[in-house]
Amino acid sequence: GVPLAAVALGACMIEKHVTLSRADGGVDSAFSLEPDELAALVVESR
């Protein structure tokens, strides 16, 4: 949601942490996108 709002306000680049699955854990997993969410970001940001 936040990146999409940023695009509407002029953001030309979006950087998001990405993981295979948040359930797998890891230092960044809690605030990372899973692949299907990343795909949605690509489509919806355009």
All heavy atoms as atom14 arrays in JSON, in Angstrom:
{
  "sequence": "GVPLAAVALGACMIEKHVTLSRADGGVDSAFSLEPDELAALVVESR",
  "atom14_mask": [
    [1, 1, 1, 1, 0, 0, 0, 0, 0, 0, 0, 0, 0, 0],
    [1, 1, 1, 1, 1, 1, 1, 0, 0, 0, 0, 0, 0, 0],
    [1, 1, 1, 1, 1, 1, 1, 0, 0, 0, 0, 0, 0, 0],
    [1, 1, 1, 1, 1, 1, 1, 1, 0, 0, 0, 0, 0, 0],
    [1, 1, 1, 1, 1, 0, 0, 0, 0, 0, 0, 0, 0, 0],
    [1, 1, 1, 1, 1, 0, 0, 0, 0, 0, 0, 0, 0, 0],
    [1, 1, 1, 1, 1, 1, 1, 0, 0, 0, 0, 0, 0, 0],
    [1, 1, 1, 1, 1, 0, 0, 0, 0, 0, 0, 0, 0, 0],
    [1, 1, 1, 1, 1, 1, 1, 1, 0, 0, 0, 0, 0, 0],
    [1, 1, 1, 1, 0, 0, 0, 0, 0, 0, 0, 0, 0, 0],
    [1, 1, 1, 1, 1, 0, 0, 0, 0, 0, 0, 0, 0, 0],
    [1, 1, 1, 1, 1, 1, 0, 0, 0, 0, 0, 0, 0, 0],
    [1, 1, 1, 1, 1, 1, 1, 1, 0, 0, 0, 0, 0, 0],
    [1, 1, 1, 1, 1, 1, 1, 1, 0, 0, 0, 0, 0, 0],
    [1, 1, 1, 1, 1, 1, 1, 1, 1, 0, 0, 0, 0, 0],
    [1, 1, 1, 1, 1, 1, 1, 1, 1, 0, 0, 0, 0, 0],
    [1, 1, 1, 1, 1, 1, 1, 1, 1, 1, 0, 0, 0, 0],
    [1, 1, 1, 1, 1, 1, 1, 0, 0, 0, 0, 0, 0, 0],
    [1, 1, 1, 1, 1, 1, 1, 0, 0, 0, 0, 0, 0, 0],
    [1, 1, 1, 1, 1, 1, 1, 1, 0, 0, 0, 0, 0, 0],
    [1, 1, 1, 1, 1, 1, 0, 0, 0, 0, 0, 0, 0, 0],
    [1, 1, 1, 1, 1, 1, 1, 1, 1, 1, 1, 0, 0, 0],
    [1, 1, 1, 1, 1, 0, 0, 0, 0, 0, 0, 0, 0, 0],
    [1, 1, 1, 1, 1, 1, 1, 1, 0, 0, 0, 0, 0, 0],
    [1, 1, 1, 1, 0, 0, 0, 0, 0, 0, 0, 0, 0, 0],
    [1, 1, 1, 1, 0, 0, 0, 0, 0, 0, 0, 0, 0, 0],
    [1, 1, 1, 1, 1, 1, 1, 0, 0, 0, 0, 0, 0, 0],
    [1, 1, 1, 1, 1, 1, 1, 1, 0, 0, 0, 0, 0, 0],
    [1, 1, 1, 1, 1, 1, 0, 0, 0, 0, 0, 0, 0, 0],
    [1, 1, 1, 1, 1, 0, 0, 0, 0, 0, 0, 0, 0, 0],
    [1, 1, 1, 1, 1, 1, 1, 1, 1, 1, 1, 0, 0, 0],
    [1, 1, 1, 1, 1, 1, 0, 0, 0, 0, 0, 0, 0, 0],
    [1, 1, 1, 1, 1, 1, 1, 1, 0, 0, 0, 0, 0, 0],
    [1, 1, 1, 1, 1, 1, 1, 1, 1, 0, 0, 0, 0, 0],
    [1, 1, 1, 1, 1, 1, 1, 0, 0, 0, 0, 0, 0, 0],
    [1, 1, 1, 1, 1, 1, 1, 1, 0, 0, 0, 0, 0, 0],
    [1, 1, 1, 1, 1, 1, 1, 1, 1, 0, 0, 0, 0, 0],
    [1, 1, 1, 1, 1, 1, 1, 1, 0, 0, 0, 0, 0, 0],
    [1, 1, 1, 1, 1, 0, 0, 0, 0, 0, 0, 0, 0, 0],
    [1, 1, 1, 1, 1, 0, 0, 0, 0, 0, 0, 0, 0, 0],
    [1, 1, 1, 1, 1, 1, 1, 1, 0, 0, 0, 0, 0, 0],
    [1, 1, 1, 1, 1, 1, 1, 0, 0, 0, 0, 0, 0, 0],
    [1, 1, 1, 1, 1, 1, 1, 0, 0, 0, 0, 0, 0, 0],
    [1, 1, 1, 1, 1, 1, 1, 1, 1, 0, 0, 0, 0, 0],
    [1, 1, 1, 1, 1, 1, 0, 0, 0, 0, 0, 0, 0, 0],
    [1, 1, 1, 1, 1, 1, 1, 1, 1, 1, 1, 0, 0, 0]
  ],
  "atom14_positions": [
    [[0.8, -1.22, 0.0], [0.0, 0.0, 0.0], [0.83, 1.27, 0.0], [0.56, 2.21, -0.75], [0.0, 0.0, 0.0], [0.0, 0.0, 0.0], [0.0, 0.0, 0.0], [0.0, 0.0, 0.0], [0.0, 0.0, 0.0], [0.0, 0.0, 0.0], [0.0, 0.0, 0.0], [0.0, 0.0, 0.0], [0.0, 0.0, 0.0], [0.0, 0.0, 0.0]],
    [[1.85, 1.31, 0.84], [2.69, 2.51, 0.93], [3.45, 2.76, -0.38], [3.47, 3.9, -0.87], [3.65, 2.41, 2.14], [4.67, 3.54, 2.12], [2.85, 2.44, 3.45], [0.0, 0.0, 0.0], [0.0, 0.0, 0.0], [0.0, 0.0, 0.0], [0.0, 0.0, 0.0], [0.0, 0.0, 0.0], [0.0, 0.0, 0.0], [0.0, 0.0, 0.0]],
    [[4.07, 1.75, -0.99], [4.75, 2.01, -2.27], [3.8, 2.52, -3.35], [4.18, 3.37, -4.15], [5.34, 0.65, -2.64], [5.49, -0.07, -1.37], [4.37, 0.39, -0.49], [0.0, 0.0, 0.0], [0.0, 0.0, 0.0], [0.0, 0.0, 0.0], [0.0, 0.0, 0.0], [0.0, 0.0, 0.0], [0.0, 0.0, 0.0], [0.0, 0.0, 0.0]],
    [[2.58, 2.0, -3.39], [1.63, 2.46, -4.41], [1.28, 3.93, -4.2], [1.19, 4.71, -5.15], [0.38, 1.6, -4.41], [0.56, 0.13, -4.76], [-0.77, -0.59, -4.79], [1.28, -0.03, -6.09], [0.0, 0.0, 0.0], [0.0, 0.0, 0.0], [0.0, 0.0, 0.0], [0.0, 0.0, 0.0], [0.0, 0.0, 0.0], [0.0, 0.0, 0.0]],
    [[1.11, 4.3, -2.93], [0.85, 5.72, -2.64], [2.05, 6.57, -3.05], [1.89, 7.69, -3.55], [0.55, 5.89, -1.15], [0.0, 0.0, 0.0], [0.0, 0.0, 0.0], [0.0, 0.0, 0.0], [0.0, 0.0, 0.0], [0.0, 0.0, 0.0], [0.0, 0.0, 0.0], [0.0, 0.0, 0.0], [0.0, 0.0, 0.0], [0.0, 0.0, 0.0]],
    [[3.25, 6.04, -2.85], [4.45, 6.79, -3.21], [4.51, 7.04, -4.72], [4.9, 8.12, -5.16], [5.7, 6.03, -2.75], [0.0, 0.0, 0.0], [0.0, 0.0, 0.0], [0.0, 0.0, 0.0], [0.0, 0.0, 0.0], [0.0, 0.0, 0.0], [0.0, 0.0, 0.0], [0.0, 0.0, 0.0], [0.0, 0.0, 0.0], [0.0, 0.0, 0.0]],
    [[4.14, 6.04, -5.51], [4.13, 6.22, -6.96], [3.17, 7.34, -7.35], [3.48, 8.18, -8.21], [3.74, 4.9, -7.67], [3.5, 5.12, -9.15], [4.84, 3.85, -7.46], [0.0, 0.0, 0.0], [0.0, 0.0, 0.0], [0.0, 0.0, 0.0], [0.0, 0.0, 0.0], [0.0, 0.0, 0.0], [0.0, 0.0, 0.0], [0.0, 0.0, 0.0]],
    [[2.03, 7.39, -6.69], [1.06, 8.45, -6.97], [1.6, 9.83, -6.64], [1.15, 10.83, -7.19], [-0.23, 8.2, -6.2], [0.0, 0.0, 0.0], [0.0, 0.0, 0.0], [0.0, 0.0, 0.0], [0.0, 0.0, 0.0], [0.0, 0.0, 0.0], [0.0, 0.0, 0.0], [0.0, 0.0, 0.0], [0.0, 0.0, 0.0], [0.0, 0.0, 0.0]],
    [[2.6, 9.88, -5.77], [3.19, 11.15, -5.36], [4.53, 11.42, -6.03], [5.27, 12.3, -5.62], [3.34, 11.19, -3.83], [2.02, 11.25, -3.06], [2.24, 11.02, -1.57], [1.33, 12.59, -3.28], [0.0, 0.0, 0.0], [0.0, 0.0, 0.0], [0.0, 0.0, 0.0], [0.0, 0.0, 0.0], [0.0, 0.0, 0.0], [0.0, 0.0, 0.0]],
    [[4.86, 10.64, -7.07], [6.03, 10.96, -7.87], [7.22, 10.04, -7.72], [8.26, 10.27, -8.34], [0.0, 0.0, 0.0], [0.0, 0.0, 0.0], [0.0, 0.0, 0.0], [0.0, 0.0, 0.0], [0.0, 0.0, 0.0], [0.0, 0.0, 0.0], [0.0, 0.0, 0.0], [0.0, 0.0, 0.0], [0.0, 0.0, 0.0], [0.0, 0.0, 0.0]],
    [[7.12, 8.98, -6.92], [8.25, 8.05, -6.78], [8.49, 7.3, -8.07], [7.57, 6.71, -8.64], [7.99, 7.06, -5.64], [0.0, 0.0, 0.0], [0.0, 0.0, 0.0], [0.0, 0.0, 0.0], [0.0, 0.0, 0.0], [0.0, 0.0, 0.0], [0.0, 0.0, 0.0], [0.0, 0.0, 0.0], [0.0, 0.0, 0.0], [0.0, 0.0, 0.0]],
    [[9.73, 7.32, -8.54], [10.05, 6.62, -9.79], [10.76, 5.3, -9.53], [10.99, 4.52, -10.46], [10.93, 7.5, -10.67], [12.54, 7.89, -9.97], [0.0, 0.0, 0.0], [0.0, 0.0, 0.0], [0.0, 0.0, 0.0], [0.0, 0.0, 0.0], [0.0, 0.0, 0.0], [0.0, 0.0, 0.0], [0.0, 0.0, 0.0], [0.0, 0.0, 0.0]],
    [[11.11, 5.03, -8.27], [11.82, 3.81, -7.91], [11.27, 3.31, -6.58], [11.05, 4.1, -5.66], [13.32, 4.09, -7.78], [14.15, 2.87, -7.4], [15.92, 3.26, -7.12], [16.35, 4.01, -8.68], [0.0, 0.0, 0.0], [0.0, 0.0, 0.0], [0.0, 0.0, 0.0], [0.0, 0.0, 0.0], [0.0, 0.0, 0.0], [0.0, 0.0, 0.0]],
    [[11.03, 2.01, -6.5], [10.57, 1.39, -5.26], [11.51, 0.24, -4.92], [11.75, -0.65, -5.74], [9.14, 0.84, -5.39], [8.15, 1.93, -5.79], [8.72, 0.15, -4.09], [7.95, 3.01, -4.77], [0.0, 0.0, 0.0], [0.0, 0.0, 0.0], [0.0, 0.0, 0.0], [0.0, 0.0, 0.0], [0.0, 0.0, 0.0], [0.0, 0.0, 0.0]],
    [[12.05, 0.29, -3.71], [12.91, -0.79, -3.23], [12.21, -1.5, -2.08], [11.78, -0.86, -1.12], [14.25, -0.22, -2.76], [15.21, -1.26, -2.21], [16.45, -0.62, -1.61], [17.41, -0.42, -2.35], [16.44, -0.29, -0.39], [0.0, 0.0, 0.0], [0.0, 0.0, 0.0], [0.0, 0.0, 0.0], [0.0, 0.0, 0.0], [0.0, 0.0, 0.0]],
    [[12.08, -2.82, -2.2], [11.46, -3.63, -1.15], [12.3, -4.87, -0.9], [12.81, -5.5, -1.83], [10.05, -4.06, -1.56], [9.02, -2.97, -1.56], [8.56, -2.56, -0.15], [7.6, -3.53, 0.43], [6.99, -3.05, 1.69], [0.0, 0.0, 0.0], [0.0, 0.0, 0.0], [0.0, 0.0, 0.0], [0.0, 0.0, 0.0], [0.0, 0.0, 0.0]],
    [[12.44, -5.24, 0.37], [13.09, -6.5, 0.7], [12.19, -7.65, 0.27], [10.96, -7.57, 0.37], [13.35, -6.57, 2.21], [14.42, -5.65, 2.67], [15.53, -6.07, 3.38], [14.57, -4.3, 2.54], [16.31, -5.03, 3.65], [15.73, -3.95, 3.15], [0.0, 0.0, 0.0], [0.0, 0.0, 0.0], [0.0, 0.0, 0.0], [0.0, 0.0, 0.0]],
    [[12.82, -8.72, -0.22], [12.07, -9.84, -0.77], [12.58, -11.15, -0.17], [13.79, -11.34, 0.02], [12.21, -9.88, -2.31], [11.5, -11.1, -2.89], [11.64, -8.61, -2.93], [0.0, 0.0, 0.0], [0.0, 0.0, 0.0], [0.0, 0.0, 0.0], [0.0, 0.0, 0.0], [0.0, 0.0, 0.0], [0.0, 0.0, 0.0], [0.0, 0.0, 0.0]],
    [[11.64, -12.05, 0.13], [11.99, -13.36, 0.65], [11.13, -14.41, -0.04], [10.12, -14.08, -0.67], [11.78, -13.43, 2.18], [12.25, -14.69, 2.67], [10.3, -13.27, 2.55], [0.0, 0.0, 0.0], [0.0, 0.0, 0.0], [0.0, 0.0, 0.0], [0.0, 0.0, 0.0], [0.0, 0.0, 0.0], [0.0, 0.0, 0.0], [0.0, 0.0, 0.0]],
    [[11.52, -15.66, 0.07], [10.7, -16.73, -0.5], [9.45, -16.95, 0.33], [8.37, -17.19, -0.2], [11.5, -18.02, -0.59], [12.72, -18.01, -1.53], [13.44, -19.35, -1.48], [12.29, -17.69, -2.97], [0.0, 0.0, 0.0], [0.0, 0.0, 0.0], [0.0, 0.0, 0.0], [0.0, 0.0, 0.0], [0.0, 0.0, 0.0], [0.0, 0.0, 0.0]],
    [[9.6, -16.86, 1.65], [8.47, -17.04, 2.56], [8.81, -16.42, 3.9], [9.87, -16.73, 4.47], [8.15, -18.53, 2.73], [7.21, -18.72, 3.77], [0.0, 0.0, 0.0], [0.0, 0.0, 0.0], [0.0, 0.0, 0.0], [0.0, 0.0, 0.0], [0.0, 0.0, 0.0], [0.0, 0.0, 0.0], [0.0, 0.0, 0.0], [0.0, 0.0, 0.0]],
    [[7.93, -15.57, 4.41], [8.19, -14.99, 5.74], [8.19, -16.06, 6.82], [8.86, -15.9, 7.84], [7.13, -13.92, 6.04], [7.37, -12.61, 5.31], [6.41, -11.53, 5.78], [5.05, -11.8, 5.39], [4.52, -11.47, 4.22], [5.26, -10.85, 3.31], [3.26, -11.76, 3.95], [0.0, 0.0, 0.0], [0.0, 0.0, 0.0], [0.0, 0.0, 0.0]],
    [[7.46, -17.14, 6.58], [7.42, -18.22, 7.57], [8.78, -18.88, 7.76], [9.01, -19.53, 8.79], [6.39, -19.26, 7.16], [0.0, 0.0, 0.0], [0.0, 0.0, 0.0], [0.0, 0.0, 0.0], [0.0, 0.0, 0.0], [0.0, 0.0, 0.0], [0.0, 0.0, 0.0], [0.0, 0.0, 0.0], [0.0, 0.0, 0.0], [0.0, 0.0, 0.0]],
    [[9.68, -18.72, 6.79], [11.01, -19.31, 6.91], [11.91, -18.55, 7.87], [13.01, -19.01, 8.2], [11.69, -19.36, 5.53], [10.99, -20.31, 4.58], [10.21, -21.15, 5.05], [11.23, -20.21, 3.36], [0.0, 0.0, 0.0], [0.0, 0.0, 0.0], [0.0, 0.0, 0.0], [0.0, 0.0, 0.0], [0.0, 0.0, 0.0], [0.0, 0.0, 0.0]],
    [[11.46, -17.38, 8.31], [12.26, -16.58, 9.24], [13.44, -15.92, 8.56], [13.58, -15.93, 7.33], [0.0, 0.0, 0.0], [0.0, 0.0, 0.0], [0.0, 0.0, 0.0], [0.0, 0.0, 0.0], [0.0, 0.0, 0.0], [0.0, 0.0, 0.0], [0.0, 0.0, 0.0], [0.0, 0.0, 0.0], [0.0, 0.0, 0.0], [0.0, 0.0, 0.0]],
    [[14.3, -15.33, 9.35], [15.45, -14.6, 8.83], [15.44, -13.18, 9.33], [14.42, -12.67, 9.82], [0.0, 0.0, 0.0], [0.0, 0.0, 0.0], [0.0, 0.0, 0.0], [0.0, 0.0, 0.0], [0.0, 0.0, 0.0], [0.0, 0.0, 0.0], [0.0, 0.0, 0.0], [0.0, 0.0, 0.0], [0.0, 0.0, 0.0], [0.0, 0.0, 0.0]],
    [[16.57, -12.51, 9.23], [16.72, -11.2, 9.85], [15.77, -10.15, 9.27], [15.37, -9.21, 9.95], [18.18, -10.7, 9.75], [19.1, -11.56, 10.58], [18.64, -10.65, 8.3], [0.0, 0.0, 0.0], [0.0, 0.0, 0.0], [0.0, 0.0, 0.0], [0.0, 0.0, 0.0], [0.0, 0.0, 0.0], [0.0, 0.0, 0.0], [0.0, 0.0, 0.0]],
    [[15.39, -10.29, 8.0], [14.57, -9.28, 7.35], [13.17, -9.77, 6.98], [12.4, -9.04, 6.37], [15.25, -8.8, 6.06], [16.59, -8.16, 6.3], [16.77, -7.57, 7.37], [17.46, -8.26, 5.42], [0.0, 0.0, 0.0], [0.0, 0.0, 0.0], [0.0, 0.0, 0.0], [0.0, 0.0, 0.0], [0.0, 0.0, 0.0], [0.0, 0.0, 0.0]],
    [[12.86, -11.0, 7.32], [11.64, -11.61, 6.78], [10.38, -10.85, 7.19], [9.43, -10.77, 6.41], [11.54, -13.07, 7.23], [11.47, -13.16, 8.65], [0.0, 0.0, 0.0], [0.0, 0.0, 0.0], [0.0, 0.0, 0.0], [0.0, 0.0, 0.0], [0.0, 0.0, 0.0], [0.0, 0.0, 0.0], [0.0, 0.0, 0.0], [0.0, 0.0, 0.0]],
    [[10.35, -10.29, 8.39], [9.13, -9.66, 8.89], [8.66, -8.5, 8.03], [7.46, -8.21, 7.97], [9.33, -9.2, 10.33], [0.0, 0.0, 0.0], [0.0, 0.0, 0.0], [0.0, 0.0, 0.0], [0.0, 0.0, 0.0], [0.0, 0.0, 0.0], [0.0, 0.0, 0.0], [0.0, 0.0, 0.0], [0.0, 0.0, 0.0], [0.0, 0.0, 0.0]],
    [[9.58, -7.8, 7.38], [9.19, -6.66, 6.56], [9.51, -6.88, 5.08], [9.68, -5.94, 4.32], [9.84, -5.36, 7.06], [11.34, -5.41, 7.19], [12.16, -5.02, 6.15], [11.92, -5.84, 8.37], [13.53, -5.05, 6.26], [13.3, -5.87, 8.5], [14.11, -5.47, 7.45], [0.0, 0.0, 0.0], [0.0, 0.0, 0.0], [0.0, 0.0, 0.0]],
    [[9.54, -8.14, 4.68], [9.85, -8.48, 3.29], [8.61, -8.96, 2.56], [7.68, -9.51, 3.16], [10.92, -9.58, 3.24], [12.13, -9.12, 3.79], [0.0, 0.0, 0.0], [0.0, 0.0, 0.0], [0.0, 0.0, 0.0], [0.0, 0.0, 0.0], [0.0, 0.0, 0.0], [0.0, 0.0, 0.0], [0.0, 0.0, 0.0], [0.0, 0.0, 0.0]],
    [[8.6, -8.77, 1.24], [7.52, -9.26, 0.41], [7.79, -10.7, -0.02], [8.94, -11.07, -0.3], [7.37, -8.41, -0.84], [6.95, -6.95, -0.67], [6.81, -6.29, -2.04], [5.66, -6.82, 0.12], [0.0, 0.0, 0.0], [0.0, 0.0, 0.0], [0.0, 0.0, 0.0], [0.0, 0.0, 0.0], [0.0, 0.0, 0.0], [0.0, 0.0, 0.0]],
    [[6.75, -11.48, -0.11], [6.84, -12.8, -0.73], [6.66, -12.63, -2.24], [6.2, -11.58, -2.7], [5.79, -13.73, -0.13], [6.05, -14.0, 1.36], [5.04, -14.93, 1.99], [3.99, -15.2, 1.35], [5.29, -15.4, 3.12], [0.0, 0.0, 0.0], [0.0, 0.0, 0.0], [0.0, 0.0, 0.0], [0.0, 0.0, 0.0], [0.0, 0.0, 0.0]],
    [[7.03, -13.64, -3.03], [7.02, -13.48, -4.49], [5.68, -13.01, -5.07], [5.66, -12.17, -5.98], [7.4, -14.86, -4.99], [8.29, -15.4, -3.92], [7.68, -14.91, -2.63], [0.0, 0.0, 0.0], [0.0, 0.0, 0.0], [0.0, 0.0, 0.0], [0.0, 0.0, 0.0], [0.0, 0.0, 0.0], [0.0, 0.0, 0.0], [0.0, 0.0, 0.0]],
    [[4.56, -13.55, -4.57], [3.28, -13.12, -5.13], [2.98, -11.67, -4.8], [2.35, -10.95, -5.6], [2.14, -14.03, -4.64], [1.98, -14.03, -3.14], [2.97, -13.76, -2.41], [0.86, -14.31, -2.65], [0.0, 0.0, 0.0], [0.0, 0.0, 0.0], [0.0, 0.0, 0.0], [0.0, 0.0, 0.0], [0.0, 0.0, 0.0], [0.0, 0.0, 0.0]],
    [[3.45, -11.2, -3.65], [3.26, -9.8, -3.29], [4.14, -8.89, -4.14], [3.73, -7.79, -4.54], [3.57, -9.6, -1.81], [2.62, -10.33, -0.88], [3.11, -10.39, 0.56], [4.33, -10.54, 0.77], [2.27, -10.3, 1.47], [0.0, 0.0, 0.0], [0.0, 0.0, 0.0], [0.0, 0.0, 0.0], [0.0, 0.0, 0.0], [0.0, 0.0, 0.0]],
    [[5.35, -9.35, -4.42], [6.23, -8.59, -5.3], [5.62, -8.48, -6.69], [5.64, -7.41, -7.32], [7.61, -9.25, -5.37], [8.62, -8.59, -6.31], [8.94, -7.16, -5.86], [9.9, -9.42, -6.39], [0.0, 0.0, 0.0], [0.0, 0.0, 0.0], [0.0, 0.0, 0.0], [0.0, 0.0, 0.0], [0.0, 0.0, 0.0], [0.0, 0.0, 0.0]],
    [[5.05, -9.57, -7.17], [4.4, -9.55, -8.48], [3.24, -8.55, -8.49], [3.05, -7.81, -9.47], [3.9, -10.95, -8.85], [0.0, 0.0, 0.0], [0.0, 0.0, 0.0], [0.0, 0.0, 0.0], [0.0, 0.0, 0.0], [0.0, 0.0, 0.0], [0.0, 0.0, 0.0], [0.0, 0.0, 0.0], [0.0, 0.0, 0.0], [0.0, 0.0, 0.0]],
    [[2.49, -8.52, -7.4], [1.39, -7.55, -7.3], [1.91, -6.12, -7.3], [1.32, -5.23, -7.92], [0.57, -7.82, -6.04], [0.0, 0.0, 0.0], [0.0, 0.0, 0.0], [0.0, 0.0, 0.0], [0.0, 0.0, 0.0], [0.0, 0.0, 0.0], [0.0, 0.0, 0.0], [0.0, 0.0, 0.0], [0.0, 0.0, 0.0], [0.0, 0.0, 0.0]],
    [[3.03, -5.9, -6.61], [3.62, -4.57, -6.59], [4.04, -4.13, -7.99], [3.81, -2.98, -8.39], [4.84, -4.55, -5.66], [5.65, -3.25, -5.64], [4.79, -2.08, -5.17], [6.89, -3.4, -4.76], [0.0, 0.0, 0.0], [0.0, 0.0, 0.0], [0.0, 0.0, 0.0], [0.0, 0.0, 0.0], [0.0, 0.0, 0.0], [0.0, 0.0, 0.0]],
    [[4.65, -5.03, -8.74], [5.09, -4.7, -10.1], [3.88, -4.28, -10.95], [3.9, -3.25, -11.62], [5.82, -5.9, -10.75], [6.09, -5.62, -12.22], [7.13, -6.18, -10.01], [0.0, 0.0, 0.0], [0.0, 0.0, 0.0], [0.0, 0.0, 0.0], [0.0, 0.0, 0.0], [0.0, 0.0, 0.0], [0.0, 0.0, 0.0], [0.0, 0.0, 0.0]],
    [[2.83, -5.07, -10.89], [1.64, -4.8, -11.71], [0.93, -3.53, -11.25], [0.61, -2.64, -12.04], [0.67, -6.01, -11.67], [-0.65, -5.64, -12.34], [1.3, -7.21, -12.36], [0.0, 0.0, 0.0], [0.0, 0.0, 0.0], [0.0, 0.0, 0.0], [0.0, 0.0, 0.0], [0.0, 0.0, 0.0], [0.0, 0.0, 0.0], [0.0, 0.0, 0.0]],
    [[0.68, -3.45, -9.95], [-0.13, -2.34, -9.44], [0.63, -1.01, -9.44], [0.01, 0.05, -9.6], [-0.63, -2.66, -8.03], [-1.54, -3.88, -7.96], [-2.76, -3.77, -8.86], [-3.23, -2.66, -9.13], [-3.25, -4.84, -9.31], [0.0, 0.0, 0.0], [0.0, 0.0, 0.0], [0.0, 0.0, 0.0], [0.0, 0.0, 0.0], [0.0, 0.0, 0.0]],
    [[1.94, -1.04, -9.28], [2.69, 0.21, -9.33], [2.67, 0.79, -10.74], [2.59, 2.0, -10.93], [4.13, 0.01, -8.85], [4.84, -0.86, -9.71], [0.0, 0.0, 0.0], [0.0, 0.0, 0.0], [0.0, 0.0, 0.0], [0.0, 0.0, 0.0], [0.0, 0.0, 0.0], [0.0, 0.0, 0.0], [0.0, 0.0, 0.0], [0.0, 0.0, 0.0]],
    [[2.71, -0.09, -11.73], [2.61, 0.4, -13.11], [1.22, 0.98, -13.37], [1.07, 2.02, -14.01], [2.92, -0.73, -14.11], [2.9, -0.24, -15.55], [3.23, -1.35, -16.54], [3.12, -0.87, -17.92], [4.09, -0.28, -18.59], [5.27, -0.09, -18.01], [3.91, 0.13, -19.84], [0.0, 0.0, 0.0], [0.0, 0.0, 0.0], [0.0, 0.0, 0.0]]
  ]
}
